[in-house]
Amino acid sequence: MELAPSGFEQVDGHDFVEFALYGAPGELPDLPQGAALVAGTAVQVSTSHVGDDWADRWREFHKPVQVGRLYVRPPWSEPLDDSIDIVIDPAQAFGTGSHPTTRLSLELLLEVTPAGPLVDLGCGSGVLAIAAAKLGFGPITALDNDSAAIEATLDNARANGVTLERVERHDLRTEAAPVAPVMTANLMRPLLLRVADLLPDGAETLIASGLLEGEEEEVAAAFASLRERRRIRLQGWSALLLTRP
């Protein structure tokens, strides 16, 4: 993020991670072609000119995602027959649901009976909250500390024709989250542990995602009133389904 504060693309390969940084001449760090060190890490650097049609070609990076009967797509892709259609605009930099942590969360959400209230912690672009609304949960609360995420969630909810009862800024590091029978939390490990510290008792089902493999036991143990029912993994990431005993 220090090298490319305006953003970058990350591609996870079998034995590599590739980052694509974009910027006008002079905006990006002056790294040599070939081998280089970035923060003490050996990397391979290559540069290329981005054509004038970049505004159209960037769309190729954002592909629709099928998770069970849920179909998450950018606006320029066509809906899929016999699927629950979820349209997410990636232009606001919160993604379209293709990240493994979101896909894992959606997979576990499909295993929960869609009835009653749901709270989505760290809503981002609103993928999980909108999916929950279309599955039949409600009322739905979507929270994020980033004002841009709140705006993106509201815009995407309108585009999907769903009502989210509360979409609000909320600092999960300092304020206890509101409790609902079903909760989703696609957050990184440190924030999940903080949520566990502050969360009042009352949740019956929690989907916790954003975990790297190896972090599952600590996070599951932090939510002491819940028990792990299922653990799924994808591309080095994990998600947990926790429920009351």
Protein backbone atom coordinates (compact mmCIF):
# COMPACT_ATOMS: atom_id res chain seq x y z
CA MET A 1 0.00 0.00 0.00
CA GLU A 2 2.94 2.34 0.60
CA LEU A 3 4.23 1.64 -2.90
CA ALA A 4 0.84 2.03 -4.60
CA PRO A 5 -1.58 3.95 -2.36
CA SER A 6 -4.07 4.35 -5.21
CA GLY A 7 -4.53 0.59 -5.37
CA PHE A 8 -3.21 -2.56 -7.02
CA GLU A 9 -4.33 -5.93 -8.32
CA GLN A 10 -3.33 -9.15 -6.56
CA VAL A 11 -3.26 -12.51 -8.35
CA ASP A 12 -2.61 -15.62 -6.24
CA GLY A 13 -0.85 -18.38 -8.17
CA HIS A 14 0.12 -21.91 -7.14
CA ASP A 15 3.55 -20.89 -5.85
CA PHE A 16 3.58 -17.13 -6.33
CA VAL A 17 1.69 -13.91 -5.67
CA GLU A 18 1.66 -11.26 -8.39
CA PHE A 19 0.90 -7.59 -7.77
CA ALA A 20 0.07 -5.19 -10.60
CA LEU A 21 0.63 -1.52 -9.79
CA TYR A 22 -0.67 1.19 -12.11
CA GLY A 23 0.40 4.81 -12.37
CA ALA A 24 1.52 7.56 -14.70
CA PRO A 25 5.27 8.01 -15.35
CA GLY A 26 6.90 9.30 -12.19
CA GLU A 27 4.08 8.17 -9.88
CA LEU A 28 5.40 4.69 -9.10
CA PRO A 29 8.65 3.81 -7.31
CA ASP A 30 11.75 3.64 -9.48
CA LEU A 31 12.44 -0.09 -9.40
CA PRO A 32 14.83 -1.74 -11.85
CA GLN A 33 13.72 -4.38 -14.33
CA GLY A 34 14.38 -7.91 -13.09
CA ALA A 35 15.35 -8.86 -9.56
CA ALA A 36 14.84 -6.30 -6.78
CA LEU A 37 14.28 -6.05 -3.05
CA VAL A 38 11.07 -4.54 -1.67
CA ALA A 39 11.01 -4.25 2.13
CA GLY A 40 13.64 -6.99 2.28
CA THR A 41 11.66 -9.36 0.05
CA ALA A 42 13.09 -10.61 -3.25
CA VAL A 43 10.78 -9.83 -6.17
CA GLN A 44 10.85 -9.82 -9.96
CA VAL A 45 9.92 -6.50 -11.55
CA SER A 46 8.57 -5.95 -15.05
CA THR A 47 6.96 -2.89 -16.60
CA SER A 48 4.72 -2.40 -19.61
CA HIS A 49 2.77 0.40 -21.24
CA VAL A 50 -0.96 0.39 -20.56
CA GLY A 51 -2.90 1.19 -23.74
CA ASP A 52 -5.45 3.93 -24.13
CA ASP A 53 -8.26 1.37 -23.93
CA TRP A 54 -7.47 0.59 -20.26
CA ALA A 55 -10.83 2.03 -19.15
CA ASP A 56 -12.53 -0.84 -20.98
CA ARG A 57 -9.94 -3.56 -20.50
CA TRP A 58 -9.95 -3.32 -16.70
CA ARG A 59 -13.40 -4.87 -16.81
CA GLU A 60 -11.85 -8.13 -17.98
CA PHE A 61 -10.39 -8.54 -14.49
CA HIS A 62 -13.84 -8.65 -12.87
CA LYS A 63 -15.58 -11.93 -13.66
CA PRO A 64 -18.93 -13.23 -12.40
CA VAL A 65 -18.81 -15.64 -9.47
CA GLN A 66 -21.13 -18.62 -8.96
CA VAL A 67 -21.55 -19.87 -5.40
CA GLY A 68 -24.29 -22.47 -5.23
CA ARG A 69 -27.44 -20.77 -6.45
CA LEU A 70 -25.96 -17.30 -5.92
CA TYR A 71 -24.55 -15.52 -8.99
CA VAL A 72 -22.53 -12.40 -8.21
CA ARG A 73 -21.70 -10.33 -11.29
CA PRO A 74 -20.56 -6.88 -12.38
CA PRO A 75 -23.18 -4.77 -14.19
CA TRP A 76 -21.79 -5.48 -17.67
CA SER A 77 -22.20 -9.27 -17.34
CA GLU A 78 -25.50 -10.94 -18.15
CA PRO A 79 -27.59 -12.64 -15.44
CA LEU A 80 -27.65 -16.40 -15.25
CA ASP A 81 -30.89 -18.35 -15.53
CA ASP A 82 -32.08 -20.24 -12.46
CA SER A 83 -29.75 -18.34 -10.12
CA ILE A 84 -30.19 -15.61 -7.52
CA ASP A 85 -28.79 -12.58 -9.31
CA ILE A 86 -26.58 -10.16 -7.35
CA VAL A 87 -25.15 -7.16 -9.19
CA ILE A 88 -22.10 -5.49 -7.63
CA ASP A 89 -20.33 -2.51 -9.18
CA PRO A 90 -16.54 -2.97 -8.69
CA ALA A 91 -15.77 0.64 -9.65
CA GLN A 92 -15.82 1.63 -5.97
CA ALA A 93 -12.89 -0.70 -5.23
CA PHE A 94 -14.63 -3.10 -2.83
CA GLY A 95 -14.79 -6.05 -5.20
CA THR A 96 -17.54 -8.15 -6.72
CA GLY A 97 -17.42 -11.19 -4.47
CA SER A 98 -14.57 -12.98 -6.22
CA HIS A 99 -12.19 -12.91 -3.25
CA PRO A 100 -11.95 -16.31 -1.53
CA THR A 101 -13.10 -14.91 1.82
CA THR A 102 -16.33 -13.59 0.28
CA ARG A 103 -16.95 -16.79 -1.65
CA LEU A 104 -16.45 -18.85 1.50
CA SER A 105 -18.85 -16.59 3.41
CA LEU A 106 -21.51 -16.97 0.72
CA GLU A 107 -21.09 -20.75 0.75
CA LEU A 108 -21.67 -20.91 4.50
CA LEU A 109 -24.55 -18.41 4.31
CA LEU A 110 -26.36 -20.84 2.02
CA GLU A 111 -26.24 -23.43 4.82
CA VAL A 112 -28.10 -21.20 7.29
CA THR A 113 -31.89 -21.20 7.39
CA PRO A 114 -32.93 -17.80 5.95
CA ALA A 115 -35.19 -16.51 8.70
CA GLY A 116 -34.99 -13.52 11.00
CA PRO A 117 -32.55 -10.64 11.43
CA LEU A 118 -28.96 -10.62 10.21
CA VAL A 119 -26.05 -8.29 10.95
CA ASP A 120 -23.14 -8.02 8.51
CA LEU A 121 -19.93 -6.73 10.11
CA GLY A 122 -17.52 -5.10 7.67
CA CYS A 123 -19.99 -4.93 4.79
CA GLY A 124 -17.57 -3.61 2.12
CA SER A 125 -19.54 -3.44 -1.13
CA GLY A 126 -22.57 -5.10 0.49
CA VAL A 127 -22.28 -8.51 -1.16
CA LEU A 128 -23.17 -10.56 1.94
CA ALA A 129 -25.92 -8.21 3.12
CA ILE A 130 -27.55 -8.12 -0.33
CA ALA A 131 -27.25 -11.90 -0.71
CA ALA A 132 -28.87 -12.34 2.71
CA ALA A 133 -31.75 -10.06 1.73
CA LYS A 134 -32.35 -12.02 -1.46
CA LEU A 135 -32.20 -15.31 0.43
CA GLY A 136 -34.95 -14.16 2.82
CA PHE A 137 -33.19 -12.85 5.92
CA GLY A 138 -34.45 -9.63 7.45
CA PRO A 139 -34.28 -7.05 8.81
CA ILE A 140 -30.64 -6.63 7.82
CA THR A 141 -28.01 -4.36 9.35
CA ALA A 142 -24.78 -3.65 7.43
CA LEU A 143 -21.89 -1.97 9.24
CA ASP A 144 -18.47 -0.71 8.18
CA ASN A 145 -16.04 1.88 9.47
CA ASP A 146 -15.28 3.13 5.95
CA SER A 147 -17.70 5.79 4.68
CA ALA A 148 -16.95 4.71 1.09
CA ALA A 149 -18.07 1.19 1.97
CA ILE A 150 -21.35 2.55 3.32
CA GLU A 151 -21.92 4.48 0.10
CA ALA A 152 -21.05 1.44 -2.02
CA THR A 153 -23.40 -0.81 -0.04
CA LEU A 154 -26.28 1.65 -0.35
CA ASP A 155 -25.70 2.04 -4.10
CA ASN A 156 -25.51 -1.71 -4.66
CA ALA A 157 -28.59 -2.36 -2.54
CA ARG A 158 -30.56 0.07 -4.71
CA ALA A 159 -29.23 -1.56 -7.88
CA ASN A 160 -30.43 -4.94 -6.61
CA GLY A 161 -33.82 -3.69 -5.45
CA VAL A 162 -33.36 -4.81 -1.86
CA THR A 163 -33.93 -2.99 1.40
CA LEU A 164 -31.26 -2.97 4.09
CA GLU A 165 -32.83 -1.54 7.22
CA ARG A 166 -29.59 -0.12 8.67
CA VAL A 167 -26.42 0.74 6.77
CA GLU A 168 -24.16 2.66 9.11
CA ARG A 169 -20.61 3.50 10.01
CA HIS A 170 -19.45 1.59 13.06
CA ASP A 171 -16.00 1.23 14.60
CA LEU A 172 -15.77 -2.42 15.56
CA ARG A 173 -12.49 -1.77 17.38
CA THR A 174 -14.10 0.44 20.02
CA GLU A 175 -17.85 -0.29 19.93
CA ALA A 176 -19.65 -3.55 20.53
CA ALA A 177 -21.49 -4.72 17.44
CA PRO A 178 -25.29 -4.98 17.53
CA VAL A 179 -26.35 -8.58 17.97
CA ALA A 180 -28.67 -10.57 15.72
CA PRO A 181 -29.48 -14.29 15.63
CA VAL A 182 -27.36 -14.59 12.47
CA MET A 183 -24.17 -12.58 11.99
CA THR A 184 -21.53 -12.47 9.27
CA ALA A 185 -18.04 -11.10 9.82
CA ASN A 186 -15.63 -11.12 6.89
CA LEU A 187 -12.76 -9.49 8.77
CA MET A 188 -9.09 -10.10 9.41
CA ARG A 189 -8.01 -12.08 12.47
CA PRO A 190 -7.07 -9.12 14.75
CA LEU A 191 -10.43 -7.43 14.20
CA LEU A 192 -12.34 -10.69 14.62
CA LEU A 193 -10.65 -11.17 17.99
CA ARG A 194 -11.60 -7.63 18.98
CA VAL A 195 -15.20 -8.23 17.91
CA ALA A 196 -15.22 -11.36 20.08
CA ASP A 197 -14.00 -9.34 23.07
CA LEU A 198 -16.73 -6.72 22.73
CA LEU A 199 -19.66 -8.76 21.39
CA PRO A 200 -22.56 -9.17 23.84
CA ASP A 201 -24.09 -12.60 24.19
CA GLY A 202 -27.04 -13.39 21.96
CA ALA A 203 -25.85 -14.47 18.52
CA GLU A 204 -26.97 -17.95 17.56
CA THR A 205 -25.00 -18.30 14.32
CA LEU A 206 -21.81 -16.56 13.22
CA ILE A 207 -20.01 -16.84 9.90
CA ALA A 208 -16.40 -15.74 10.47
CA SER A 209 -14.24 -15.32 7.40
CA GLY A 210 -11.07 -13.43 6.47
CA LEU A 211 -8.86 -16.00 8.19
CA LEU A 212 -5.60 -17.36 6.91
CA GLU A 213 -5.11 -21.10 7.27
CA GLY A 214 -3.81 -21.77 10.76
CA GLU A 215 -5.79 -18.97 12.43
CA GLU A 216 -9.02 -20.91 12.79
CA GLU A 217 -8.53 -22.42 16.26
CA GLU A 218 -7.74 -19.08 17.92
CA VAL A 219 -10.71 -17.30 16.39
CA ALA A 220 -13.14 -20.14 17.08
CA ALA A 221 -12.03 -20.23 20.72
CA ALA A 222 -12.47 -16.45 21.07
CA PHE A 223 -16.22 -16.76 20.51
CA ALA A 224 -16.66 -18.81 23.66
CA SER A 225 -20.47 -19.13 23.57
CA LEU A 226 -20.41 -20.66 20.08
CA ARG A 227 -19.08 -23.92 18.74
CA GLU A 228 -17.46 -24.63 15.40
CA ARG A 229 -19.80 -26.55 13.11
CA ARG A 230 -17.96 -26.31 9.82
CA ARG A 231 -14.63 -25.12 8.46
CA ILE A 232 -13.98 -24.55 4.76
CA ARG A 233 -10.89 -23.38 2.90
CA LEU A 234 -10.03 -21.84 -0.44
CA GLN A 235 -6.69 -20.61 -1.77
CA GLY A 236 -5.08 -20.31 1.64
CA TRP A 237 -8.08 -18.64 3.30
CA SER A 238 -10.56 -20.11 5.78
CA ALA A 239 -14.09 -19.47 7.01
CA LEU A 240 -15.92 -20.85 10.03
CA LEU A 241 -19.56 -21.57 10.75
CA LEU A 242 -20.10 -21.15 14.48
CA THR A 243 -23.39 -21.90 16.24
CA ARG A 244 -24.76 -22.27 19.74
CA PRO A 245 -24.25 -25.74 21.22
